[in-house]
Protein backbone atom coordinates (compact mmCIF):
# COMPACT_ATOMS: atom_id res chain seq x y z
CA MET A 1 -85.79 60.94 -52.29
CA ALA A 2 -82.39 62.10 -53.50
CA GLY A 3 -81.19 61.87 -49.81
CA GLN A 4 -82.90 58.63 -49.53
CA ARG A 5 -81.17 57.34 -52.22
CA ARG A 6 -77.62 58.52 -51.05
CA ASP A 7 -79.13 56.75 -47.32
CA ARG A 8 -79.22 53.60 -49.11
CA ARG A 9 -76.02 53.36 -51.22
CA ASN A 10 -73.82 54.32 -47.65
CA THR A 11 -76.01 51.64 -46.04
CA SER A 12 -75.21 49.38 -49.04
CA ARG A 13 -71.50 49.99 -48.55
CA SER A 14 -71.55 49.48 -45.38
CA GLN A 15 -73.53 46.13 -45.43
CA ARG A 16 -70.87 45.08 -48.51
CA HIS A 17 -68.23 46.63 -46.61
CA PRO A 18 -67.44 45.54 -42.93
CA PRO A 19 -65.55 47.48 -41.03
CA VAL A 20 -61.83 46.14 -40.51
CA TRP A 21 -61.67 45.20 -36.83
CA SER A 22 -64.97 42.85 -37.83
CA TRP A 23 -62.21 41.23 -40.09
CA LEU A 24 -59.86 40.69 -37.57
CA LEU A 25 -62.21 39.79 -34.92
CA GLY A 26 -63.04 37.06 -37.98
CA LEU A 27 -59.21 36.05 -38.21
CA LEU A 28 -58.87 35.58 -34.70
CA GLY A 29 -61.69 33.30 -34.28
CA LEU A 30 -60.58 31.34 -37.26
CA ALA A 31 -56.52 31.29 -35.87
CA ALA A 32 -57.91 30.47 -32.66
CA VAL A 33 -60.02 27.20 -33.61
CA GLY A 34 -57.12 26.64 -36.20
CA ALA A 35 -54.97 26.26 -32.96
CA PHE A 36 -56.69 24.42 -30.93
CA GLY A 37 -57.68 22.04 -33.81
CA VAL A 38 -53.85 21.73 -34.08
CA LEU A 39 -53.53 21.13 -30.45
CA LEU A 40 -55.82 18.28 -30.43
CA TRP A 41 -54.46 16.93 -33.76
CA SER A 42 -50.54 16.77 -32.24
CA ARG A 43 -51.68 14.89 -28.94
CA SER A 44 -53.76 12.46 -31.13
CA GLU A 45 -52.01 9.30 -31.91
CA SER A 46 -51.95 9.70 -35.50
CA GLY A 47 -50.86 13.71 -35.06
CA LYS A 48 -47.76 12.56 -32.96
CA THR A 49 -46.93 10.01 -35.65
CA ALA A 50 -47.03 12.27 -38.18
CA LEU A 51 -44.80 14.90 -35.80
CA LEU A 52 -42.44 11.86 -35.41
CA ASN A 53 -42.30 11.86 -39.10
CA LEU A 54 -41.29 15.47 -39.50
CA GLY A 55 -38.22 15.00 -37.30
CA ALA A 56 -39.92 15.27 -33.21
CA ASP A 57 -38.06 12.52 -32.07
CA GLN A 58 -38.80 12.96 -28.61
CA LEU A 59 -42.18 11.56 -28.95
CA TYR A 60 -40.63 8.22 -30.51
CA THR A 61 -41.23 6.13 -27.41
CA GLU A 62 -44.56 7.82 -27.10
CA VAL A 63 -45.74 6.38 -30.59
CA GLN A 64 -43.63 3.03 -30.23
CA ALA A 65 -46.39 2.90 -26.49
CA HIS A 66 -49.53 3.35 -29.09
CA LEU A 67 -48.32 1.27 -31.68
CA ASP A 68 -47.82 -1.52 -29.03
CA ASP A 69 -50.62 -1.58 -27.77
CA ALA A 70 -52.65 -1.12 -31.42
CA LEU A 71 -50.40 -4.48 -31.78
CA ALA A 72 -51.27 -6.06 -28.96
CA THR A 73 -55.19 -6.34 -30.13
CA VAL A 74 -54.26 -9.07 -32.79
CA LEU A 75 -50.55 -10.17 -30.68
CA PRO A 76 -51.90 -10.26 -26.98
CA ASP A 77 -48.85 -12.16 -26.35
CA LEU A 78 -46.54 -9.22 -27.77
CA GLN A 79 -46.36 -7.25 -24.92
CA THR A 80 -42.70 -8.74 -22.84
CA PRO A 81 -40.24 -7.27 -20.74
CA PRO A 82 -37.03 -7.84 -23.29
CA SER A 83 -34.42 -10.50 -21.94
CA HIS A 84 -31.39 -9.04 -23.25
CA ALA A 85 -29.88 -5.86 -22.73
CA SER A 86 -29.50 -3.63 -26.02
CA PRO A 87 -26.37 -4.88 -28.14
CA GLY A 88 -23.04 -3.64 -26.92
CA ALA A 89 -19.68 -3.01 -29.64
CA SER A 90 -18.63 -6.40 -30.58
CA ALA A 91 -19.91 -6.82 -34.13
CA ALA A 92 -19.26 -10.53 -33.46
CA ALA A 93 -21.72 -10.96 -30.17
CA GLU A 94 -24.37 -12.97 -30.44
CA PHE A 95 -28.05 -12.91 -28.55
CA ALA A 96 -30.81 -15.27 -28.41
CA GLY A 97 -33.98 -15.10 -27.05
CA LEU A 98 -37.66 -14.16 -27.37
CA SER A 99 -37.58 -10.86 -26.95
CA TYR A 100 -34.90 -7.96 -27.40
CA ASP A 101 -33.83 -3.61 -27.80
CA TRP A 102 -32.35 -2.77 -30.84
CA PRO A 103 -30.50 0.96 -30.27
CA LEU A 104 -32.03 3.11 -32.36
CA PRO A 105 -29.27 6.16 -32.09
CA ALA A 106 -31.06 8.28 -34.68
CA ALA A 107 -34.30 8.67 -32.91
CA GLY A 108 -32.77 9.40 -29.63
CA GLN A 109 -30.26 8.29 -26.57
CA ASP A 110 -32.49 5.67 -25.44
CA ALA A 111 -34.81 4.70 -28.54
CA ALA A 112 -34.68 1.22 -29.32
CA ILE A 113 -36.66 -1.10 -31.64
CA ARG A 114 -38.65 -3.51 -30.25
CA CYS A 115 -37.79 -7.16 -31.46
CA ARG A 116 -39.88 -10.03 -30.41
CA VAL A 117 -41.18 -13.84 -30.97
CA VAL A 118 -44.47 -14.12 -31.21
CA ALA A 119 -46.47 -16.92 -31.60
CA ILE A 120 -49.45 -16.58 -34.21
CA ALA A 121 -53.03 -19.09 -32.87
CA GLY A 122 -55.22 -20.97 -35.29
CA ASP A 123 -54.45 -21.22 -39.21
CA THR A 124 -54.51 -18.22 -40.59
CA SER A 125 -52.57 -17.84 -43.68
CA TRP A 126 -49.61 -15.46 -42.54
CA TRP A 127 -51.08 -12.55 -45.82
CA GLN A 128 -54.46 -12.38 -43.63
CA VAL A 129 -51.82 -12.22 -40.41
CA GLN A 130 -49.98 -9.38 -42.32
CA ASP A 131 -53.10 -7.73 -43.31
CA ARG A 132 -54.50 -7.80 -39.69
CA LEU A 133 -51.79 -6.17 -38.32
CA ALA A 134 -51.36 -3.21 -41.11
CA ALA A 135 -55.25 -2.36 -40.36
CA ALA A 136 -55.08 -2.70 -36.09
CA ILE A 137 -51.94 -0.22 -36.34
CA ARG A 138 -53.14 1.90 -38.97
CA PRO A 139 -55.74 4.22 -36.93
CA ALA A 140 -52.35 5.05 -35.14
CA GLY A 141 -50.25 6.12 -38.09
CA GLY A 142 -48.52 3.20 -38.09
CA ARG A 143 -47.78 0.84 -40.90
CA VAL A 144 -46.03 -2.74 -41.81
CA LEU A 145 -42.27 -1.70 -43.48
CA TRP A 146 -41.41 -4.73 -44.31
CA CYS A 147 -42.61 -8.36 -44.40
CA GLU A 148 -40.39 -11.74 -45.60
CA ARG A 149 -41.73 -15.28 -45.08
CA LEU A 150 -38.29 -17.36 -43.86
CA PRO A 151 -38.64 -21.29 -44.32
CA ARG A 152 -36.98 -22.66 -41.36
CA SER A 153 -35.14 -26.42 -41.70
CA SER A 154 -37.55 -28.74 -40.44
CA GLN A 155 -37.09 -32.09 -37.93
CA ALA A 156 -38.12 -35.66 -38.74
CA ARG A 157 -41.61 -35.18 -36.93
CA ASP A 158 -42.30 -31.81 -39.28
CA LEU A 159 -42.19 -33.11 -42.13
CA LYS A 160 -45.87 -33.79 -42.33
CA GLN A 161 -46.92 -30.09 -41.21
CA PRO A 162 -47.04 -28.14 -44.75
CA ALA A 163 -44.50 -25.27 -45.04
CA GLU A 164 -47.45 -22.60 -44.25
CA ALA A 165 -47.49 -24.07 -40.71
CA ARG A 166 -43.85 -24.14 -40.28
CA ASP A 167 -42.32 -20.85 -41.70
CA LEU A 168 -42.06 -18.30 -39.91
CA VAL A 169 -42.08 -14.44 -40.85
CA ARG A 170 -40.73 -11.65 -39.96
CA VAL A 171 -42.45 -8.24 -39.83
CA ASP A 172 -41.21 -5.06 -39.31
CA ILE A 173 -43.62 -2.31 -38.07
CA GLY A 174 -42.98 1.62 -37.48
CA THR A 175 -44.08 5.20 -39.57
CA SER A 176 -42.72 6.15 -42.67
CA GLY A 177 -40.09 7.78 -40.40
CA ARG A 178 -38.97 5.22 -38.24
CA PRO A 179 -38.98 1.39 -37.05
CA THR A 180 -40.39 0.74 -33.73
CA HIS A 181 -40.85 -3.22 -33.94
CA THR A 182 -39.47 -6.15 -35.70
CA LEU A 183 -42.01 -9.37 -35.03
CA LEU A 184 -40.48 -12.98 -35.44
CA LEU A 185 -43.79 -14.62 -35.84
CA TYR A 186 -44.45 -18.59 -35.66
CA ARG A 187 -47.29 -21.04 -35.32
CA GLU A 188 -48.58 -21.61 -31.81
CA GLY A 189 -48.31 -25.38 -31.83
CA THR A 190 -44.89 -25.61 -33.64
CA ALA A 191 -41.05 -25.51 -32.12
CA ARG A 192 -40.40 -21.90 -30.49
CA PRO A 193 -37.66 -20.61 -32.73
CA GLN A 194 -34.70 -19.60 -31.97
CA VAL A 195 -33.28 -16.36 -33.23
CA HIS A 196 -30.61 -14.84 -32.28
CA TRP A 197 -30.86 -11.16 -32.49
CA GLY A 198 -27.55 -9.33 -34.35
CA ALA A 199 -26.09 -12.70 -34.97
CA ASP A 200 -24.79 -13.26 -38.12
CA LEU A 201 -24.95 -17.56 -37.60
CA SER A 202 -23.34 -18.07 -41.26
CA ALA A 203 -20.07 -16.02 -40.82
CA THR A 204 -19.52 -18.08 -37.24
CA ALA A 205 -20.65 -21.34 -39.19
CA TRP A 206 -18.23 -20.80 -41.98
CA ARG A 207 -15.28 -19.78 -39.68
CA GLN A 208 -16.08 -23.13 -38.38
CA LEU A 209 -15.63 -25.07 -40.87
CA GLN A 210 -13.18 -23.88 -41.96
CA ALA A 211 -11.56 -24.80 -38.87
CA ARG A 212 -11.89 -27.71 -38.59
CA ALA A 213 -12.12 -28.86 -42.56
CA ASN A 214 -8.49 -28.49 -42.83
CA GLY A 215 -7.64 -31.99 -43.75
CA PRO A 216 -9.82 -34.59 -46.44
CA VAL A 217 -13.16 -33.12 -47.82
CA VAL A 218 -15.73 -35.60 -48.86
CA ALA A 219 -19.42 -34.20 -49.94
CA LEU A 220 -21.79 -37.46 -49.83
CA VAL A 221 -24.97 -37.48 -52.19
CA ILE A 222 -27.46 -39.39 -51.86
CA ASP A 223 -29.80 -39.67 -54.99
CA ASP A 224 -33.31 -41.05 -56.33
CA TRP A 225 -35.16 -39.22 -52.81
CA GLY A 226 -39.02 -39.24 -53.87
CA HIS A 227 -40.10 -42.81 -54.54
CA ARG A 228 -40.79 -43.82 -50.75
CA ALA A 229 -40.19 -42.82 -46.77
CA ASP A 230 -38.88 -45.84 -45.12
CA ALA A 231 -36.72 -46.83 -42.72
CA THR A 232 -33.88 -46.77 -44.47
CA THR A 233 -34.37 -42.96 -45.93
CA SER A 234 -35.40 -42.23 -42.35
CA GLY A 235 -31.96 -44.00 -41.34
CA LEU A 236 -30.47 -41.47 -43.89
CA ALA A 237 -32.14 -38.74 -43.22
CA ALA A 238 -30.51 -38.82 -39.64
CA LEU A 239 -27.15 -39.38 -40.12
CA GLU A 240 -24.75 -37.30 -38.01
CA ILE A 241 -23.14 -36.26 -40.96
CA PRO A 242 -23.88 -33.20 -43.56
CA LEU A 243 -25.84 -34.36 -46.72
CA THR A 244 -26.65 -33.73 -50.05
CA MET A 245 -30.59 -35.49 -51.25
CA ALA A 246 -30.91 -35.09 -55.01
CA ILE A 247 -34.14 -35.23 -55.14
CA LEU A 248 -36.16 -36.63 -58.20
CA PRO A 249 -39.17 -34.22 -58.94
CA SER A 250 -42.90 -35.03 -59.22
CA LEU A 251 -42.83 -38.02 -56.59
CA PRO A 252 -44.83 -38.83 -54.15
CA TYR A 253 -42.74 -37.83 -51.35
CA SER A 254 -40.28 -35.12 -53.30
CA ARG A 255 -41.53 -32.53 -51.29
CA ARG A 256 -41.79 -33.65 -48.14
CA PHE A 257 -37.54 -34.57 -48.45
CA ALA A 258 -37.06 -31.48 -49.74
CA LEU A 259 -38.43 -29.41 -46.95
CA ALA A 260 -35.88 -30.93 -44.89
CA GLY A 261 -33.36 -28.55 -46.27
CA THR A 262 -31.19 -26.56 -43.41
CA GLU A 263 -29.18 -23.14 -43.40
CA LEU A 264 -25.43 -24.59 -44.82
CA ALA A 265 -22.05 -23.71 -43.70
CA LEU A 266 -21.03 -21.18 -46.32
CA PRO A 267 -19.38 -17.67 -46.41
CA PRO A 268 -21.46 -15.15 -45.38
CA ALA A 269 -22.64 -13.61 -48.79
CA ALA A 270 -23.12 -16.88 -50.68
CA ALA A 271 -25.15 -17.98 -47.50
CA SER A 272 -27.19 -14.50 -47.37
CA GLN A 273 -28.14 -16.39 -51.32
CA GLU A 274 -28.17 -19.46 -50.46
CA ARG A 275 -31.23 -18.79 -47.54
CA GLY A 276 -32.77 -16.70 -49.80
CA TYR A 277 -31.63 -12.93 -48.31
CA ALA A 278 -30.09 -11.90 -51.86
CA ASP A 279 -28.14 -8.92 -51.90
CA GLU A 280 -31.60 -6.98 -53.37
CA ALA A 281 -33.66 -7.79 -50.75
CA VAL A 282 -31.07 -7.00 -48.07
CA SER A 283 -30.88 -3.29 -50.18
CA LEU A 284 -35.05 -3.65 -49.82
CA ARG A 285 -34.98 -4.15 -46.37
CA GLN A 286 -32.70 -1.52 -45.24
CA ALA A 287 -34.02 0.90 -47.65
CA ALA A 288 -37.24 0.25 -45.65
CA GLY A 289 -35.94 1.61 -42.78
CA CYS A 290 -35.39 -1.90 -41.33
CA PRO A 291 -32.28 -2.30 -39.77
CA VAL A 292 -32.76 -5.44 -37.32
CA THR A 293 -30.83 -8.43 -38.10
CA LEU A 294 -31.25 -11.88 -36.73
CA GLY A 295 -29.91 -15.51 -37.30
CA LEU A 296 -31.99 -18.68 -37.07
CA GLY A 297 -30.43 -21.86 -36.27
CA THR A 298 -29.14 -24.00 -33.30
CA ASP A 299 -26.89 -22.33 -30.65
CA ALA A 300 -24.64 -19.41 -31.37
CA GLY A 301 -21.03 -20.80 -31.75
CA LYS A 302 -22.09 -24.11 -32.73
CA LEU A 303 -21.46 -25.42 -36.29
CA PRO A 304 -24.72 -27.72 -37.17
CA VAL A 305 -23.66 -30.88 -37.66
CA ARG A 306 -26.56 -32.48 -39.55
CA ARG A 307 -27.23 -30.27 -42.29
CA ARG A 308 -29.21 -30.71 -45.56
CA GLU A 309 -28.50 -29.70 -48.99
CA ILE A 310 -31.37 -29.79 -51.09
CA PHE A 311 -30.63 -30.69 -54.86
CA LEU A 312 -33.20 -31.07 -58.19
CA HIS A 313 -31.98 -34.61 -59.82
CA LEU A 314 -32.68 -33.62 -63.00
CA PRO A 315 -33.63 -36.58 -65.05
CA MET A 316 -32.16 -36.58 -68.60
CA GLU A 317 -31.73 -38.56 -71.48
CA PRO A 318 -29.56 -41.97 -71.38
CA GLN A 319 -28.11 -44.07 -74.14
CA GLY A 320 -30.73 -46.46 -75.33
CA TYR A 321 -33.61 -44.10 -74.91
CA PRO A 322 -36.54 -44.21 -74.79
CA ASP A 323 -36.01 -48.39 -74.05
CA VAL A 324 -34.49 -46.99 -71.04
CA ASP A 325 -36.46 -45.16 -69.31
CA PRO A 326 -35.06 -42.19 -67.55
CA GLY A 327 -38.38 -41.03 -66.21
CA PRO A 328 -41.03 -38.49 -67.14
CA ARG A 329 -40.25 -34.83 -67.63
CA ALA A 330 -36.46 -35.23 -68.79
CA VAL A 331 -34.05 -33.26 -70.51
CA LEU A 332 -33.68 -34.77 -73.92
CA VAL A 333 -30.85 -33.75 -76.59
CA GLY A 334 -31.87 -31.11 -78.85
CA MET A 335 -34.21 -29.38 -76.46
CA SER A 336 -34.66 -26.09 -76.86
CA GLY A 337 -33.65 -22.70 -73.73
CA GLY A 338 -37.10 -22.31 -73.62
CA GLN A 339 -38.40 -26.52 -73.44
CA LEU A 340 -35.56 -26.82 -70.41
CA ALA A 341 -36.46 -23.71 -68.53
CA ALA A 342 -39.74 -24.69 -69.02
CA LEU A 343 -38.66 -28.17 -67.06
CA LEU A 344 -36.86 -26.74 -64.26
CA ASP A 345 -39.36 -23.86 -63.28
CA GLU A 346 -41.73 -26.73 -62.91
CA ALA A 347 -39.69 -28.41 -60.72
CA LEU A 348 -38.33 -25.72 -58.81
CA HIS A 349 -42.04 -24.19 -58.13
CA ALA A 350 -42.95 -28.26 -56.54
CA LEU A 351 -39.87 -28.59 -54.54
CA PRO A 352 -38.38 -25.50 -52.33
CA ASN A 353 -34.70 -25.63 -50.76
CA ILE A 354 -33.26 -26.52 -54.29
CA SER A 355 -29.76 -24.89 -54.68
CA GLY A 356 -28.08 -27.08 -57.22
CA VAL A 357 -28.87 -29.75 -59.93
CA ASN A 358 -27.45 -32.93 -60.44
CA ASN A 359 -28.10 -35.43 -63.54
CA HIS A 360 -30.38 -38.34 -63.25
CA MET A 361 -28.74 -41.27 -65.96
CA GLY A 362 -28.26 -38.58 -68.82
CA SER A 363 -25.77 -40.63 -70.20
CA ALA A 364 -26.82 -39.03 -74.27
CA ALA A 365 -27.65 -35.76 -72.72
CA THR A 366 -24.18 -34.64 -70.63
CA THR A 367 -22.63 -35.86 -73.83
CA ASP A 368 -24.03 -33.36 -76.01
CA ALA A 369 -22.90 -29.94 -76.16
CA PRO A 370 -25.39 -27.86 -77.14
CA THR A 371 -27.80 -29.75 -75.07
CA MET A 372 -25.47 -28.76 -71.61
CA ARG A 373 -24.99 -24.92 -73.16
CA SER A 374 -28.17 -24.33 -73.09
CA LEU A 375 -29.18 -26.12 -69.70
CA MET A 376 -26.13 -24.17 -68.41
CA THR A 377 -27.34 -21.45 -69.39
CA GLU A 378 -30.71 -21.90 -67.30
CA LEU A 379 -28.91 -22.86 -64.39
CA LYS A 380 -26.75 -19.60 -64.18
CA ALA A 381 -30.19 -17.56 -64.77
CA ARG A 382 -31.36 -19.15 -61.32
CA ASP A 383 -27.84 -19.19 -59.56
CA LEU A 384 -27.84 -23.33 -59.36
CA ILE A 385 -24.56 -25.22 -58.99
CA PHE A 386 -24.29 -27.89 -61.04
CA LEU A 387 -22.82 -31.33 -59.75
CA ASP A 388 -21.76 -33.81 -63.09
CA SER A 389 -22.70 -37.37 -61.84
CA LEU A 390 -20.52 -38.25 -64.25
CA THR A 391 -23.00 -41.43 -65.67
CA SER A 392 -20.82 -41.51 -68.84
CA ALA A 393 -16.80 -41.21 -69.45
CA ASN A 394 -17.83 -38.92 -72.22
CA SER A 395 -20.02 -36.36 -70.10
CA VAL A 396 -19.42 -32.60 -71.06
CA ALA A 397 -21.26 -31.09 -68.86
CA TYR A 398 -18.69 -30.43 -66.08
CA GLN A 399 -16.52 -28.15 -68.35
CA THR A 400 -19.72 -27.11 -70.12
CA ALA A 401 -20.92 -25.98 -66.79
CA ARG A 402 -17.78 -24.00 -65.85
CA ALA A 403 -17.60 -22.60 -69.19
CA ALA A 404 -20.54 -20.65 -68.37
CA GLY A 405 -19.90 -19.82 -65.01
CA VAL A 406 -21.92 -21.96 -63.21
CA PRO A 407 -20.42 -23.49 -59.88
CA ALA A 408 -19.85 -27.04 -60.65
CA ALA A 409 -18.71 -30.43 -58.91
CA ARG A 410 -18.03 -33.76 -60.69
CA ASN A 411 -18.66 -37.17 -59.09
CA ARG A 412 -15.61 -39.00 -57.86
CA ILE A 413 -17.06 -42.63 -57.43
CA PHE A 414 -20.72 -44.57 -57.15
CA LEU A 415 -20.53 -45.96 -54.01
CA ASP A 416 -23.62 -48.56 -54.68
CA HIS A 417 -23.43 -50.06 -57.77
CA ASP A 418 -24.41 -53.66 -55.82
CA ARG A 419 -26.85 -52.09 -53.68
CA GLN A 420 -26.86 -55.15 -51.61
CA ASP A 421 -22.98 -55.81 -51.15
CA HIS A 422 -21.53 -54.55 -48.12
CA ASP A 423 -17.93 -55.33 -48.95
CA GLN A 424 -18.19 -53.60 -52.21
CA ILE A 425 -19.68 -50.43 -50.73
CA ARG A 426 -17.59 -50.25 -47.80
CA SER A 427 -14.50 -50.64 -50.29
CA ARG A 428 -15.21 -47.71 -52.98
CA LEU A 429 -16.20 -45.78 -49.61
CA ARG A 430 -12.43 -46.10 -48.77
CA ALA A 431 -11.61 -45.23 -52.27
CA LEU A 432 -13.37 -42.13 -51.66
CA VAL A 433 -11.53 -40.69 -49.14
CA GLN A 434 -8.28 -41.85 -50.19
CA ALA A 435 -9.35 -39.80 -53.70
CA ALA A 436 -9.83 -36.69 -50.71
CA ARG A 437 -6.80 -37.28 -49.06
CA SER A 438 -4.83 -37.00 -52.06
CA ALA A 439 -6.76 -34.10 -54.03
CA GLY A 440 -8.09 -32.25 -50.96
CA PHE A 441 -11.33 -32.83 -52.16
CA ALA A 442 -13.82 -35.85 -53.31
CA VAL A 443 -17.49 -35.65 -54.52
CA GLY A 444 -19.40 -39.45 -53.63
CA ILE A 445 -22.97 -40.41 -54.65
CA GLY A 446 -24.81 -43.48 -52.76
CA HIS A 447 -28.58 -44.27 -53.26
CA PRO A 448 -31.51 -44.87 -50.37
CA HIS A 449 -30.23 -48.67 -50.40
CA PRO A 450 -30.11 -50.75 -46.92
CA ALA A 451 -26.71 -51.97 -47.71
CA THR A 452 -25.36 -48.05 -47.93
CA LEU A 453 -26.97 -47.32 -44.61
CA GLN A 454 -25.54 -49.75 -42.89
CA VAL A 455 -21.99 -49.36 -44.23
CA LEU A 456 -22.17 -45.68 -43.82
CA ARG A 457 -23.62 -46.07 -40.16
CA GLU A 458 -20.45 -48.17 -39.56
CA GLU A 459 -17.39 -46.27 -41.09
CA LEU A 460 -18.30 -42.89 -40.97
CA PRO A 461 -17.96 -42.76 -37.21
CA ARG A 462 -14.46 -43.87 -37.94
CA LEU A 463 -13.53 -41.50 -41.24
CA GLN A 464 -14.38 -38.30 -38.81
CA ALA A 465 -11.98 -40.17 -36.14
CA GLU A 466 -9.62 -39.80 -38.75
CA GLY A 467 -10.08 -36.37 -40.20
CA VAL A 468 -12.12 -36.34 -42.72
CA ALA A 469 -14.35 -33.45 -42.91
CA PHE A 470 -17.53 -34.24 -44.51
CA VAL A 471 -19.73 -31.09 -46.19
CA THR A 472 -22.35 -30.79 -49.01
CA VAL A 473 -21.13 -29.76 -52.19
CA SER A 474 -22.77 -25.97 -52.17
CA GLU A 475 -19.88 -25.90 -48.82
CA LEU A 476 -17.06 -27.97 -50.73
CA LEU A 477 -16.72 -25.64 -53.67
CA ALA A 478 -16.53 -22.87 -51.05
CA LEU A 479 -14.07 -24.64 -49.36
CA GLN A 480 -12.33 -25.17 -52.67
CA THR A 481 -12.54 -21.66 -53.19
CA ALA A 482 -11.14 -20.05 -50.36
CA ARG A 483 -7.71 -22.82 -50.27
CA ALA A 484 -7.43 -21.61 -53.97
CA ALA A 485 -7.37 -18.19 -52.58
CA ALA A 486 -5.41 -18.73 -49.74
CA GLY A 487 -2.65 -20.56 -52.04
CA SER A 488 -2.50 -17.69 -54.94
């Protein structure tokens, strides 16, 4: 009995403690299975992406090809060969085309981000397009690194199209470790955008403007856009000079004309802010690992003539109010900062491309210093410039804007008090140019009247031939600053 008990104990111990060799075999089996699993994983799309993120740069082109295939399921027209060689060492070089390869030395000597311009069919919203791209590349370990909506200037024929149909979208695709694609998407059926990969078009335009604007500089402002769209407004919008269009809020055609805003010829930093590429946004994009820069617009090296700056023509309280009515949502004497902020935000939300404000009427509001101080605080917070229309000789608006750090200009002359008197409009235009010859710069304001259009059509070619440079208000302020700096 005792022997049987000892045998059972020995058997029990042997069952609880298998021989060492069996443990080793088990571990070797597990290691083999694990190694095989790692091998399979390393050969999978997601595995290669993970290894690239860990520094295996030799996998870059292979991961890029996988993402290319995944993107092609959503963008059938994506896979086109590059139309240009990679950029050279010249920082001033400009490259245009549907496709382009942007060198990425950090991922290897031959690595390059695939830059492509691709049409999107249908009316799917841009957010849905982004979601579809993200879903397509997720199985391959890809992700959307950056997405940015880029408004582009509208030609007259495009004004009836909603912004969703005309705007462009930049999407940067890649892994958490490396960018692989920069895509510029546009709507099928709209004009194909002209893109300059690696170009700083704003710097080019600004240099050319400085070279040409070495004589009298005039900024023409046309007020009161938004009431109607007719032959006169179409004619003014088609003038072959830069114009600043001051648009009244909440009118039937206000947004339509606000969409006509274009890029301006400004110093690079100011131009990037004017287009919405604030320094913070650029830093965020670069921090996300997206180094590609691009320019949109006209042919490289050519300064656009038909530049359009958009101002909010803000109604303000006149003398004789309320019998003299400036219209709804006007700045009234004594309004608080909160009330003024609400007025501005409502208008800016409805009108795109606003870079500045000038007063509609306002002979009472612009002479009230507390109201103007409150307004300028709000303009400063929104990075808007101010043009004092000078509807009152006692206006303090310009001085208040300057004191608040708001870039500001003043109207020199109204061209068309008598809207039908061609000779008076012509005389006032000549007086405006003479003021610019004397002071270097001058701003004049007109309105969408047939007589004003006719005089401008007749006089502008002659004035340009005489060396008068026409610019927008922001461009005038930038040129003033540059001249002052050069003279100091």
